[in-house]
Amino acid sequence: MKKTLRPKTNDVTRHARLTCLVSDEEMRIIDSYLHKYKIENKSRWMRETLLAFIHQKLDQDYPTLFNEHDMRR
């Protein structure tokens, strides 16, 4: 029996489950994307995509000393 060595990405054990329902059309779009880009781990891709979006949005909404209108003057 041959063992495959995989690099350890992190030491986080995940216990919380997140469930999301999608339509048949949305599922076809997701499956097509995963196939096109040869993504095999759907769970990891979904988690990384969701968290990347959240981090990007939080960076954009970071509180500043002045509002946008004042900074553009």
PDB file of N, CA and C in Angstrom:
ATOM      1  N   MET A   1       0.839  -1.176   0.000  1.00  0.00           N
ATOM      2  CA  MET A   1       0.000   0.000   0.000  1.00  0.00           C
ATOM      3  C   MET A   1       0.887   1.243   0.000  1.00  0.00           C
ATOM      4  N   LYS A   2       0.667   2.105  -0.980  1.00  0.00           N
ATOM      5  CA  LYS A   2       1.492   3.302  -1.141  1.00  0.00           C
ATOM      6  C   LYS A   2       0.838   4.488  -0.437  1.00  0.00           C
ATOM      7  N   LYS A   3       1.602   5.169   0.384  1.00  0.00           N
ATOM      8  CA  LYS A   3       1.098   6.353   1.074  1.00  0.00           C
ATOM      9  C   LYS A   3       1.446   7.602   0.278  1.00  0.00           C
ATOM     10  N   THR A   4       0.505   8.511   0.227  1.00  0.00           N
ATOM     11  CA  THR A   4       0.738   9.792  -0.421  1.00  0.00           C
ATOM     12  C   THR A   4       1.034  10.820   0.655  1.00  0.00           C
ATOM     13  N   LEU A   5       2.151  11.479   0.549  1.00  0.00           N
ATOM     14  CA  LEU A   5       2.504  12.513   1.514  1.00  0.00           C
ATOM     15  C   LEU A   5       1.897  13.835   1.065  1.00  0.00           C
ATOM     16  N   ARG A   6       1.116  14.401   1.933  1.00  0.00           N
ATOM     17  CA  ARG A   6       0.510  15.696   1.624  1.00  0.00           C
ATOM     18  C   ARG A   6       1.068  16.727   2.586  1.00  0.00           C
ATOM     19  N   PRO A   7       1.355  17.911   2.088  1.00  0.00           N
ATOM     20  CA  PRO A   7       1.833  18.947   3.005  1.00  0.00           C
ATOM     21  C   PRO A   7       0.724  19.322   3.980  1.00  0.00           C
ATOM     22  N   LYS A   8       1.080  19.492   5.217  1.00  0.00           N
ATOM     23  CA  LYS A   8       0.112  19.867   6.235  1.00  0.00           C
ATOM     24  C   LYS A   8      -0.172  21.356   6.107  1.00  0.00           C
ATOM     25  N   THR A   9      -1.418  21.692   5.765  1.00  0.00           N
ATOM     26  CA  THR A   9      -1.758  23.097   5.529  1.00  0.00           C
ATOM     27  C   THR A   9      -1.913  23.873   6.824  1.00  0.00           C
ATOM     28  N   ASN A  10      -2.551  23.256   7.822  1.00  0.00           N
ATOM     29  CA  ASN A  10      -2.694  23.912   9.118  1.00  0.00           C
ATOM     30  C   ASN A  10      -3.095  22.870  10.151  1.00  0.00           C
ATOM     31  N   ASP A  11      -3.042  23.255  11.404  1.00  0.00           N
ATOM     32  CA  ASP A  11      -3.353  22.329  12.488  1.00  0.00           C
ATOM     33  C   ASP A  11      -4.738  22.578  13.062  1.00  0.00           C
ATOM     34  N   VAL A  12      -5.626  23.166  12.292  1.00  0.00           N
ATOM     35  CA  VAL A  12      -6.960  23.501  12.772  1.00  0.00           C
ATOM     36  C   VAL A  12      -7.883  22.297  12.599  1.00  0.00           C
ATOM     37  N   THR A  13      -8.522  21.910  13.674  1.00  0.00           N
ATOM     38  CA  THR A  13      -9.544  20.876  13.591  1.00  0.00           C
ATOM     39  C   THR A  13     -10.886  21.575  13.503  1.00  0.00           C
ATOM     40  N   ARG A  14     -11.634  21.268  12.494  1.00  0.00           N
ATOM     41  CA  ARG A  14     -12.919  21.937  12.271  1.00  0.00           C
ATOM     42  C   ARG A  14     -14.053  21.076  12.825  1.00  0.00           C
ATOM     43  N   HIS A  15     -14.887  21.692  13.662  1.00  0.00           N
ATOM     44  CA  HIS A  15     -16.008  20.975  14.250  1.00  0.00           C
ATOM     45  C   HIS A  15     -17.347  21.582  13.841  1.00  0.00           C
ATOM     46  N   ALA A  16     -17.351  22.858  13.506  1.00  0.00           N
ATOM     47  CA  ALA A  16     -18.589  23.546  13.162  1.00  0.00           C
ATOM     48  C   ALA A  16     -18.948  23.269  11.711  1.00  0.00           C
ATOM     49  N   ARG A  17     -20.216  23.010  11.483  1.00  0.00           N
ATOM     50  CA  ARG A  17     -20.697  22.711  10.134  1.00  0.00           C
ATOM     51  C   ARG A  17     -21.476  23.906   9.598  1.00  0.00           C
ATOM     52  N   LEU A  18     -21.273  24.216   8.340  1.00  0.00           N
ATOM     53  CA  LEU A  18     -21.988  25.288   7.665  1.00  0.00           C
ATOM     54  C   LEU A  18     -22.691  24.675   6.462  1.00  0.00           C
ATOM     55  N   THR A  19     -23.997  24.857   6.388  1.00  0.00           N
ATOM     56  CA  THR A  19     -24.772  24.251   5.316  1.00  0.00           C
ATOM     57  C   THR A  19     -25.419  25.340   4.479  1.00  0.00           C
ATOM     58  N   CYS A  20     -25.426  25.120   3.183  1.00  0.00           N
ATOM     59  CA  CYS A  20     -25.983  26.096   2.254  1.00  0.00           C
ATOM     60  C   CYS A  20     -26.720  25.346   1.143  1.00  0.00           C
ATOM     61  N   LEU A  21     -27.898  25.788   0.806  1.00  0.00           N
ATOM     62  CA  LEU A  21     -28.651  25.183  -0.288  1.00  0.00           C
ATOM     63  C   LEU A  21     -28.492  26.038  -1.538  1.00  0.00           C
ATOM     64  N   VAL A  22     -28.325  25.374  -2.676  1.00  0.00           N
ATOM     65  CA  VAL A  22     -28.221  26.062  -3.964  1.00  0.00           C
ATOM     66  C   VAL A  22     -29.188  25.409  -4.940  1.00  0.00           C
ATOM     67  N   SER A  23     -29.534  26.136  -5.969  1.00  0.00           N
ATOM     68  CA  SER A  23     -30.421  25.584  -6.993  1.00  0.00           C
ATOM     69  C   SER A  23     -29.636  24.630  -7.894  1.00  0.00           C
ATOM     70  N   ASP A  24     -30.348  23.891  -8.717  1.00  0.00           N
ATOM     71  CA  ASP A  24     -29.693  22.974  -9.656  1.00  0.00           C
ATOM     72  C   ASP A  24     -28.784  23.733 -10.615  1.00  0.00           C
ATOM     73  N   GLU A  25     -29.237  24.903 -11.073  1.00  0.00           N
ATOM     74  CA  GLU A  25     -28.433  25.712 -11.992  1.00  0.00           C
ATOM     75  C   GLU A  25     -27.159  26.213 -11.307  1.00  0.00           C
ATOM     76  N   GLU A  26     -27.296  26.677 -10.074  1.00  0.00           N
ATOM     77  CA  GLU A  26     -26.123  27.139  -9.332  1.00  0.00           C
ATOM     78  C   GLU A  26     -25.133  25.995  -9.112  1.00  0.00           C
ATOM     79  N   MET A  27     -25.649  24.806  -8.838  1.00  0.00           N
ATOM     80  CA  MET A  27     -24.772  23.653  -8.630  1.00  0.00           C
ATOM     81  C   MET A  27     -24.037  23.297  -9.915  1.00  0.00           C
ATOM     82  N   ARG A  28     -24.717  23.396 -11.048  1.00  0.00           N
ATOM     83  CA  ARG A  28     -24.056  23.136 -12.341  1.00  0.00           C
ATOM     84  C   ARG A  28     -22.947  24.149 -12.590  1.00  0.00           C
ATOM     85  N   ILE A  29     -23.186  25.402 -12.240  1.00  0.00           N
ATOM     86  CA  ILE A  29     -22.173  26.447 -12.417  1.00  0.00           C
ATOM     87  C   ILE A  29     -20.960  26.158 -11.535  1.00  0.00           C
ATOM     88  N   ILE A  30     -21.213  25.818 -10.276  1.00  0.00           N
ATOM     89  CA  ILE A  30     -20.116  25.508  -9.343  1.00  0.00           C
ATOM     90  C   ILE A  30     -19.332  24.298  -9.828  1.00  0.00           C
ATOM     91  N   ASP A  31     -20.045  23.226 -10.187  1.00  0.00           N
ATOM     92  CA  ASP A  31     -19.366  22.010 -10.657  1.00  0.00           C
ATOM     93  C   ASP A  31     -18.561  22.272 -11.918  1.00  0.00           C
ATOM     94  N   SER A  32     -19.099  23.089 -12.810  1.00  0.00           N
ATOM     95  CA  SER A  32     -18.390  23.431 -14.039  1.00  0.00           C
ATOM     96  C   SER A  32     -17.101  24.182 -13.722  1.00  0.00           C
ATOM     97  N   TYR A  33     -17.169  25.126 -12.804  1.00  0.00           N
ATOM     98  CA  TYR A  33     -15.995  25.902 -12.391  1.00  0.00           C
ATOM     99  C   TYR A  33     -14.935  24.992 -11.776  1.00  0.00           C
ATOM    100  N   LEU A  34     -15.365  24.130 -10.869  1.00  0.00           N
ATOM    101  CA  LEU A  34     -14.429  23.214 -10.213  1.00  0.00           C
ATOM    102  C   LEU A  34     -13.763  22.288 -11.221  1.00  0.00           C
ATOM    103  N   HIS A  35     -14.525  21.816 -12.189  1.00  0.00           N
ATOM    104  CA  HIS A  35     -13.970  20.940 -13.224  1.00  0.00           C
ATOM    105  C   HIS A  35     -12.983  21.705 -14.114  1.00  0.00           C
ATOM    106  N   LYS A  36     -13.373  22.915 -14.520  1.00  0.00           N
ATOM    107  CA  LYS A  36     -12.532  23.723 -15.406  1.00  0.00           C
ATOM    108  C   LYS A  36     -11.171  24.016 -14.784  1.00  0.00           C
ATOM    109  N   TYR A  37     -11.160  24.337 -13.499  1.00  0.00           N
ATOM    110  CA  TYR A  37      -9.917  24.697 -12.831  1.00  0.00           C
ATOM    111  C   TYR A  37      -9.306  23.543 -12.030  1.00  0.00           C
ATOM    112  N   LYS A  38      -9.834  22.334 -12.275  1.00  0.00           N
ATOM    113  CA  LYS A  38      -9.291  21.102 -11.686  1.00  0.00           C
ATOM    114  C   LYS A  38      -9.188  21.188 -10.162  1.00  0.00           C
ATOM    115  N   ILE A  39     -10.248  21.678  -9.546  1.00  0.00           N
ATOM    116  CA  ILE A  39     -10.314  21.776  -8.093  1.00  0.00           C
ATOM    117  C   ILE A  39     -10.974  20.503  -7.583  1.00  0.00           C
ATOM    118  N   GLU A  40     -10.259  19.762  -6.773  1.00  0.00           N
ATOM    119  CA  GLU A  40     -10.757  18.474  -6.298  1.00  0.00           C
ATOM    120  C   GLU A  40     -11.412  18.560  -4.925  1.00  0.00           C
ATOM    121  N   ASN A  41     -10.989  19.507  -4.102  1.00  0.00           N
ATOM    122  CA  ASN A  41     -11.517  19.609  -2.749  1.00  0.00           C
ATOM    123  C   ASN A  41     -12.529  20.755  -2.696  1.00  0.00           C
ATOM    124  N   LYS A  42     -13.789  20.416  -2.901  1.00  0.00           N
ATOM    125  CA  LYS A  42     -14.856  21.420  -2.963  1.00  0.00           C
ATOM    126  C   LYS A  42     -15.025  22.141  -1.627  1.00  0.00           C
ATOM    127  N   SER A  43     -14.915  21.414  -0.537  1.00  0.00           N
ATOM    128  CA  SER A  43     -15.090  22.000   0.788  1.00  0.00           C
ATOM    129  C   SER A  43     -14.024  23.058   1.069  1.00  0.00           C
ATOM    130  N   ARG A  44     -12.765  22.728   0.791  1.00  0.00           N
ATOM    131  CA  ARG A  44     -11.678  23.681   1.021  1.00  0.00           C
ATOM    132  C   ARG A  44     -11.833  24.899   0.121  1.00  0.00           C
ATOM    133  N   TRP A  45     -12.203  24.678  -1.150  1.00  0.00           N
ATOM    134  CA  TRP A  45     -12.386  25.785  -2.089  1.00  0.00           C
ATOM    135  C   TRP A  45     -13.504  26.712  -1.606  1.00  0.00           C
ATOM    136  N   MET A  46     -14.622  26.119  -1.175  1.00  0.00           N
ATOM    137  CA  MET A  46     -15.753  26.924  -0.717  1.00  0.00           C
ATOM    138  C   MET A  46     -15.363  27.730   0.515  1.00  0.00           C
ATOM    139  N   ARG A  47     -14.679  27.111   1.450  1.00  0.00           N
ATOM    140  CA  ARG A  47     -14.253  27.793   2.676  1.00  0.00           C
ATOM    141  C   ARG A  47     -13.283  28.926   2.354  1.00  0.00           C
ATOM    142  N   GLU A  48     -12.273  28.653   1.523  1.00  0.00           N
ATOM    143  CA  GLU A  48     -11.278  29.674   1.189  1.00  0.00           C
ATOM    144  C   GLU A  48     -11.889  30.819   0.395  1.00  0.00           C
ATOM    145  N   THR A  49     -12.817  30.500  -0.512  1.00  0.00           N
ATOM    146  CA  THR A  49     -13.467  31.534  -1.315  1.00  0.00           C
ATOM    147  C   THR A  49     -14.326  32.436  -0.443  1.00  0.00           C
ATOM    148  N   LEU A  50     -15.100  31.836   0.441  1.00  0.00           N
ATOM    149  CA  LEU A  50     -15.958  32.604   1.333  1.00  0.00           C
ATOM    150  C   LEU A  50     -15.143  33.483   2.274  1.00  0.00           C
ATOM    151  N   LEU A  51     -14.128  32.912   2.885  1.00  0.00           N
ATOM    152  CA  LEU A  51     -13.305  33.680   3.828  1.00  0.00           C
ATOM    153  C   LEU A  51     -12.493  34.767   3.120  1.00  0.00           C
ATOM    154  N   ALA A  52     -12.028  34.511   1.902  1.00  0.00           N
ATOM    155  CA  ALA A  52     -11.301  35.539   1.146  1.00  0.00           C
ATOM    156  C   ALA A  52     -12.219  36.727   0.870  1.00  0.00           C
ATOM    157  N   PHE A  53     -13.480  36.447   0.510  1.00  0.00           N
ATOM    158  CA  PHE A  53     -14.440  37.522   0.255  1.00  0.00           C
ATOM    159  C   PHE A  53     -14.689  38.327   1.525  1.00  0.00           C
ATOM    160  N   ILE A  54     -14.862  37.639   2.646  1.00  0.00           N
ATOM    161  CA  ILE A  54     -15.125  38.312   3.918  1.00  0.00           C
ATOM    162  C   ILE A  54     -13.933  39.177   4.325  1.00  0.00           C
ATOM    163  N   HIS A  55     -12.717  38.639   4.201  1.00  0.00           N
ATOM    164  CA  HIS A  55     -11.521  39.427   4.543  1.00  0.00           C
ATOM    165  C   HIS A  55     -11.388  40.662   3.656  1.00  0.00           C
ATOM    166  N   GLN A  56     -11.661  40.503   2.373  1.00  0.00           N
ATOM    167  CA  GLN A  56     -11.578  41.631   1.443  1.00  0.00           C
ATOM    168  C   GLN A  56     -12.598  42.700   1.822  1.00  0.00           C
ATOM    169  N   LYS A  57     -13.815  42.291   2.134  1.00  0.00           N
ATOM    170  CA  LYS A  57     -14.862  43.243   2.497  1.00  0.00           C
ATOM    171  C   LYS A  57     -14.532  43.951   3.807  1.00  0.00           C
ATOM    172  N   LEU A  58     -13.999  43.217   4.779  1.00  0.00           N
ATOM    173  CA  LEU A  58     -13.619  43.843   6.052  1.00  0.00           C
ATOM    174  C   LEU A  58     -12.496  44.847   5.858  1.00  0.00           C
ATOM    175  N   ASP A  59     -11.550  44.559   4.969  1.00  0.00           N
ATOM    176  CA  ASP A  59     -10.470  45.510   4.680  1.00  0.00           C
ATOM    177  C   ASP A  59     -11.021  46.786   4.052  1.00  0.00           C
ATOM    178  N   GLN A  60     -12.006  46.648   3.183  1.00  0.00           N
ATOM    179  CA  GLN A  60     -12.605  47.814   2.527  1.00  0.00           C
ATOM    180  C   GLN A  60     -13.407  48.658   3.513  1.00  0.00           C
ATOM    181  N   ASP A  61     -14.039  48.007   4.478  1.00  0.00           N
ATOM    182  CA  ASP A  61     -14.903  48.696   5.433  1.00  0.00           C
ATOM    183  C   ASP A  61     -14.183  49.093   6.710  1.00  0.00           C
ATOM    184  N   TYR A  62     -12.862  49.043   6.699  1.00  0.00           N
ATOM    185  CA  TYR A  62     -12.083  49.354   7.889  1.00  0.00           C
ATOM    186  C   TYR A  62     -12.354  50.795   8.314  1.00  0.00           C
ATOM    187  N   PRO A  63     -12.648  51.021   9.600  1.00  0.00           N
ATOM    188  CA  PRO A  63     -12.951  52.393  10.040  1.00  0.00           C
ATOM    189  C   PRO A  63     -11.734  53.309   9.893  1.00  0.00           C
ATOM    190  N   THR A  64     -11.987  54.517   9.441  1.00  0.00           N
ATOM    191  CA  THR A  64     -10.919  55.499   9.265  1.00  0.00           C
ATOM    192  C   THR A  64     -11.222  56.733  10.114  1.00  0.00           C
ATOM    193  N   LEU A  65     -10.240  57.559  10.273  1.00  0.00           N
ATOM    194  CA  LEU A  65     -10.397  58.774  11.060  1.00  0.00           C
ATOM    195  C   LEU A  65     -11.339  59.765  10.364  1.00  0.00           C
ATOM    196  N   PHE A  66     -11.272  59.803   9.024  1.00  0.00           N
ATOM    197  CA  PHE A  66     -12.109  60.715   8.248  1.00  0.00           C
ATOM    198  C   PHE A  66     -12.992  59.897   7.320  1.00  0.00           C
ATOM    199  N   ASN A  67     -14.150  60.458   6.958  1.00  0.00           N
ATOM    200  CA  ASN A  67     -14.999  59.740   6.004  1.00  0.00           C
ATOM    201  C   ASN A  67     -14.463  59.941   4.579  1.00  0.00           C
ATOM    202  N   GLU A  68     -14.971  59.184   3.635  1.00  0.00           N
ATOM    203  CA  GLU A  68     -14.439  59.198   2.267  1.00  0.00           C
ATOM    204  C   GLU A  68     -14.549  60.572   1.620  1.00  0.00           C
ATOM    205  N   HIS A  69     -15.642  61.280   1.850  1.00  0.00           N
ATOM    206  CA  HIS A  69     -15.833  62.603   1.254  1.00  0.00           C
ATOM    207  C   HIS A  69     -14.750  63.578   1.717  1.00  0.00           C
ATOM    208  N   ASP A  70     -14.421  63.555   3.001  1.00  0.00           N
ATOM    209  CA  ASP A  70     -13.389  64.449   3.531  1.00  0.00           C
ATOM    210  C   ASP A  70     -12.011  64.121   2.971  1.00  0.00           C
ATOM    211  N   MET A  71     -11.732  62.850   2.753  1.00  0.00           N
ATOM    212  CA  MET A  71     -10.417  62.455   2.252  1.00  0.00           C
ATOM    213  C   MET A  71     -10.235  62.792   0.782  1.00  0.00           C
ATOM    214  N   ARG A  72     -11.335  62.923   0.029  1.00  0.00           N
ATOM    215  CA  ARG A  72     -11.232  63.210  -1.412  1.00  0.00           C
ATOM    216  C   ARG A  72     -11.099  64.710  -1.688  1.00  0.00           C
ATOM    217  N   ARG A  73     -11.189  65.541  -0.703  1.00  0.00           N
ATOM    218  CA  ARG A  73     -11.086  66.997  -0.899  1.00  0.00           C
ATOM    219  C   ARG A  73      -9.693  67.405  -1.244  1.00  0.00           C
TER     220      ARG A  73
END
